[in-house]
Amino acid sequence: MEHLNINFLSDNTLEAAKQLLGVEVVTEIDGKITSGFITEVEAYLGLDDRAAHTFSGKVTKKNAMMFEPYGHIYVYTMHGHNCMNFVTTTDRPEGILIRGIEPHRGIRVMKERRGKDADLTSGPGKLTKALGITRAEHNGTKINGEILHVLPGRKPASIEETRRIGIDNKEEAADYLYRFIVKGNPNVSRFKGKADTDNGWQ
């Protein structure tokens, strides 16, 4: 398996977020391989973004991983769910929340972990459960290490930019169009309507 070069995460977080759409995220946990193509992401621009966990610039036990250079994941918990971010840049506490993936490998394992047969990965807490990622075990895990790696995947036919979800109380940051989705792919949060041909892939 030829890993994807992740140097594109080193600079512009918004551009990197769009480039992540279609990338295949693979986990190998307890000898089980699962993967999916990224369909939905949200960018968080650190010190300039009220919605980011690092907006204050204060390093805490919770957000410390965001202040490290790109190349690993930051996992936090919210309402009992684990949420996975790819940390970006070398000098700013920025990151990209992975909000949705289209299941690819190990779908049977994903179903077992989720305890259901459908809607496995259309949300940040759902996809971490399907992939076996937890804050306790995987916060700070290297991208392209032994547990988690990324591979070239599919190309979106069209990318849609929207407001981020669940941050309505973050003043002007609530209006930033920092959420990017593969248009017409049903494996995203709050999907409505009909899936596009080939789920929106080229």
Protein backbone atom coordinates (compact mmCIF):
# COMPACT_ATOMS: atom_id res chain seq x y z
CA MET A 1 0.00 0.00 0.00
CA GLU A 2 1.51 3.29 -1.14
CA HIS A 3 0.83 5.90 1.54
CA LEU A 4 -0.37 9.34 0.50
CA ASN A 5 2.23 12.07 1.02
CA ILE A 6 0.69 14.28 3.71
CA ASN A 7 2.89 17.35 3.24
CA PHE A 8 -0.17 19.16 1.89
CA LEU A 9 -1.32 19.38 5.54
CA SER A 10 1.66 21.58 6.37
CA ASP A 11 0.45 24.96 5.16
CA ASN A 12 -3.05 26.14 4.20
CA THR A 13 -5.67 24.40 6.33
CA LEU A 14 -8.64 25.38 4.16
CA GLU A 15 -6.99 24.06 1.00
CA ALA A 16 -5.84 20.92 2.83
CA ALA A 17 -9.42 20.29 3.98
CA LYS A 18 -10.63 20.21 0.37
CA GLN A 19 -7.73 17.97 -0.64
CA LEU A 20 -8.71 15.45 2.03
CA LEU A 21 -12.06 14.78 0.35
CA GLY A 22 -11.83 11.38 -1.32
CA VAL A 23 -8.70 10.32 0.58
CA GLU A 24 -8.95 6.80 2.01
CA VAL A 25 -8.44 6.59 5.80
CA VAL A 26 -7.38 3.12 6.93
CA THR A 27 -7.15 1.81 10.50
CA GLU A 28 -5.59 -1.43 11.68
CA ILE A 29 -6.79 -2.09 15.23
CA ASP A 30 -6.86 -5.45 17.02
CA GLY A 31 -5.84 -7.09 13.74
CA LYS A 32 -8.90 -5.70 11.95
CA ILE A 33 -8.60 -3.43 8.93
CA THR A 34 -11.34 -0.89 8.22
CA SER A 35 -11.37 2.09 5.89
CA GLY A 36 -13.45 4.71 4.16
CA PHE A 37 -13.18 7.57 1.67
CA ILE A 38 -13.47 11.00 3.30
CA THR A 39 -16.74 12.70 2.30
CA GLU A 40 -17.07 15.56 4.81
CA VAL A 41 -14.59 17.76 6.70
CA GLU A 42 -14.54 20.97 8.71
CA ALA A 43 -11.52 23.27 8.97
CA TYR A 44 -10.67 24.97 12.27
CA LEU A 45 -8.25 27.87 12.02
CA GLY A 46 -6.85 28.07 15.52
CA LEU A 47 -6.18 31.48 17.03
CA ASP A 48 -8.36 33.33 14.50
CA ASP A 49 -11.37 31.03 14.78
CA ARG A 50 -13.76 31.26 17.74
CA ALA A 51 -15.02 27.76 17.02
CA ALA A 52 -11.56 26.19 17.37
CA HIS A 53 -10.47 24.53 20.61
CA THR A 54 -7.26 26.57 20.40
CA PHE A 55 -8.88 30.02 19.88
CA SER A 56 -7.61 31.35 23.24
CA GLY A 57 -4.05 30.26 22.47
CA LYS A 58 -3.98 28.48 25.81
CA VAL A 59 -2.52 24.98 25.84
CA THR A 60 -4.59 22.58 27.96
CA LYS A 61 -4.50 18.86 28.59
CA LYS A 62 -7.43 18.52 26.19
CA ASN A 63 -6.10 20.54 23.23
CA ALA A 64 -2.30 20.08 23.57
CA MET A 65 -2.05 17.84 20.50
CA MET A 66 -3.35 20.70 18.33
CA PHE A 67 -0.24 22.74 19.13
CA GLU A 68 2.06 20.07 17.72
CA PRO A 69 3.19 20.13 14.05
CA TYR A 70 1.07 18.36 11.43
CA GLY A 71 1.37 14.61 10.92
CA HIS A 72 -0.81 13.17 13.67
CA ILE A 73 -4.42 13.12 14.83
CA TYR A 74 -6.12 15.01 17.64
CA VAL A 75 -9.03 13.11 19.17
CA TYR A 76 -11.47 14.77 21.58
CA THR A 77 -14.69 13.59 23.15
CA MET A 78 -18.02 15.38 22.98
CA HIS A 79 -21.31 14.09 24.42
CA GLY A 80 -19.61 10.72 24.87
CA HIS A 81 -18.48 10.51 21.23
CA ASN A 82 -14.89 10.52 19.96
CA CYS A 83 -14.10 13.05 17.20
CA MET A 84 -10.97 12.79 15.03
CA ASN A 85 -9.05 15.73 13.61
CA PHE A 86 -6.02 15.78 11.33
CA VAL A 87 -3.63 18.39 12.75
CA THR A 88 -2.30 20.83 10.15
CA THR A 89 0.56 23.38 9.79
CA THR A 90 3.89 23.49 11.58
CA ASP A 91 3.44 26.72 13.53
CA ARG A 92 -0.30 27.29 14.11
CA PRO A 93 -2.76 25.23 16.21
CA GLU A 94 -5.09 24.36 13.34
CA GLY A 95 -6.82 21.18 12.28
CA ILE A 96 -9.45 19.45 10.18
CA LEU A 97 -12.33 17.54 11.74
CA ILE A 98 -13.17 14.39 9.77
CA ARG A 99 -16.99 14.44 9.80
CA GLY A 100 -17.94 11.74 7.30
CA ILE A 101 -16.49 8.82 5.32
CA GLU A 102 -17.91 6.38 2.78
CA PRO A 103 -17.25 2.85 4.11
CA HIS A 104 -14.86 0.81 1.95
CA ARG A 105 -12.90 -1.98 3.66
CA GLY A 106 -13.99 -4.02 6.64
CA ILE A 107 -17.65 -3.04 6.43
CA ARG A 108 -18.69 -6.12 8.41
CA VAL A 109 -16.37 -5.04 11.24
CA MET A 110 -17.79 -1.51 11.07
CA LYS A 111 -21.32 -2.90 11.42
CA GLU A 112 -20.25 -4.93 14.47
CA ARG A 113 -18.60 -1.92 16.12
CA ARG A 114 -21.62 0.28 15.43
CA GLY A 115 -24.19 -2.40 16.28
CA LYS A 116 -26.21 -1.61 13.17
CA ASP A 117 -26.29 -2.26 9.42
CA ALA A 118 -26.82 1.22 7.96
CA ASP A 119 -25.79 4.86 8.47
CA LEU A 120 -22.41 3.70 9.77
CA THR A 121 -20.19 6.74 9.20
CA SER A 122 -22.24 9.89 8.49
CA GLY A 123 -20.98 11.94 11.42
CA PRO A 124 -17.75 12.44 13.39
CA GLY A 125 -18.72 10.20 16.33
CA LYS A 126 -20.11 7.47 14.10
CA LEU A 127 -17.01 7.16 11.90
CA THR A 128 -14.55 6.96 14.81
CA LYS A 129 -16.62 4.15 16.33
CA ALA A 130 -16.70 2.35 12.97
CA LEU A 131 -12.93 2.77 12.55
CA GLY A 132 -12.18 1.85 16.17
CA ILE A 133 -10.64 5.23 17.10
CA THR A 134 -10.86 6.51 20.70
CA ARG A 135 -9.34 9.48 22.51
CA ALA A 136 -7.97 7.29 25.31
CA GLU A 137 -6.00 5.06 22.93
CA HIS A 138 -5.34 7.12 19.81
CA ASN A 139 -5.05 10.84 20.56
CA GLY A 140 -1.68 11.86 19.09
CA THR A 141 -1.43 8.81 16.81
CA LYS A 142 0.81 9.37 13.80
CA ILE A 143 -0.80 9.57 10.39
CA ASN A 144 0.82 6.88 8.21
CA GLY A 145 1.99 5.02 11.29
CA GLU A 146 1.08 1.47 12.29
CA ILE A 147 -2.51 2.16 13.36
CA LEU A 148 -3.77 4.77 10.93
CA HIS A 149 -2.74 5.63 7.43
CA VAL A 150 -4.06 7.46 4.40
CA LEU A 151 -4.06 6.34 0.78
CA PRO A 152 -4.96 8.00 -2.51
CA GLY A 153 -8.68 7.34 -2.95
CA ARG A 154 -11.35 8.88 -5.14
CA LYS A 155 -11.93 12.31 -6.67
CA PRO A 156 -15.06 14.32 -5.90
CA ALA A 157 -17.03 15.42 -8.95
CA SER A 158 -17.96 18.61 -7.09
CA ILE A 159 -17.15 20.08 -3.67
CA GLU A 160 -19.77 22.00 -1.72
CA GLU A 161 -18.80 24.65 0.87
CA THR A 162 -21.19 25.27 3.78
CA ARG A 163 -21.31 26.58 7.33
CA ARG A 164 -20.02 24.23 10.00
CA ILE A 165 -22.42 22.21 12.13
CA GLY A 166 -23.19 22.70 15.82
CA ILE A 167 -21.30 25.94 16.48
CA ASP A 168 -24.13 28.48 16.31
CA ASN A 169 -22.97 30.15 19.52
CA LYS A 170 -19.53 31.07 18.17
CA GLU A 171 -20.44 34.57 16.89
CA GLU A 172 -18.96 35.39 13.47
CA ALA A 173 -17.25 31.98 13.23
CA ALA A 174 -20.68 30.37 12.88
CA ASP A 175 -20.95 31.89 9.39
CA TYR A 176 -17.57 30.80 8.01
CA LEU A 177 -17.93 28.42 5.07
CA TYR A 178 -15.35 26.03 6.45
CA ARG A 179 -17.28 22.77 5.97
CA PHE A 180 -16.57 20.92 2.74
CA ILE A 181 -18.49 17.93 1.43
CA VAL A 182 -18.51 15.69 -1.62
CA LYS A 183 -21.66 17.04 -3.23
CA GLY A 184 -24.32 14.38 -3.54
CA ASN A 185 -22.64 11.81 -1.29
CA PRO A 186 -25.09 10.39 1.28
CA ASN A 187 -22.35 9.57 3.81
CA VAL A 188 -22.36 13.06 5.34
CA SER A 189 -24.05 14.64 8.36
CA ARG A 190 -27.73 15.53 7.91
CA PHE A 191 -27.90 14.33 4.29
CA LYS A 192 -31.19 15.05 2.58
CA GLY A 193 -32.48 14.30 -0.89
CA LYS A 194 -31.16 11.85 -3.44
CA ALA A 195 -27.58 10.68 -3.85
CA ASP A 196 -25.79 11.79 -7.02
CA THR A 197 -24.57 9.31 -9.61
CA ASP A 198 -21.75 7.22 -8.13
CA ASN A 199 -22.31 9.06 -4.81
CA GLY A 200 -20.73 12.22 -6.21
CA TRP A 201 -17.37 10.74 -7.22
CA GLN A 202 -15.77 11.34 -10.61
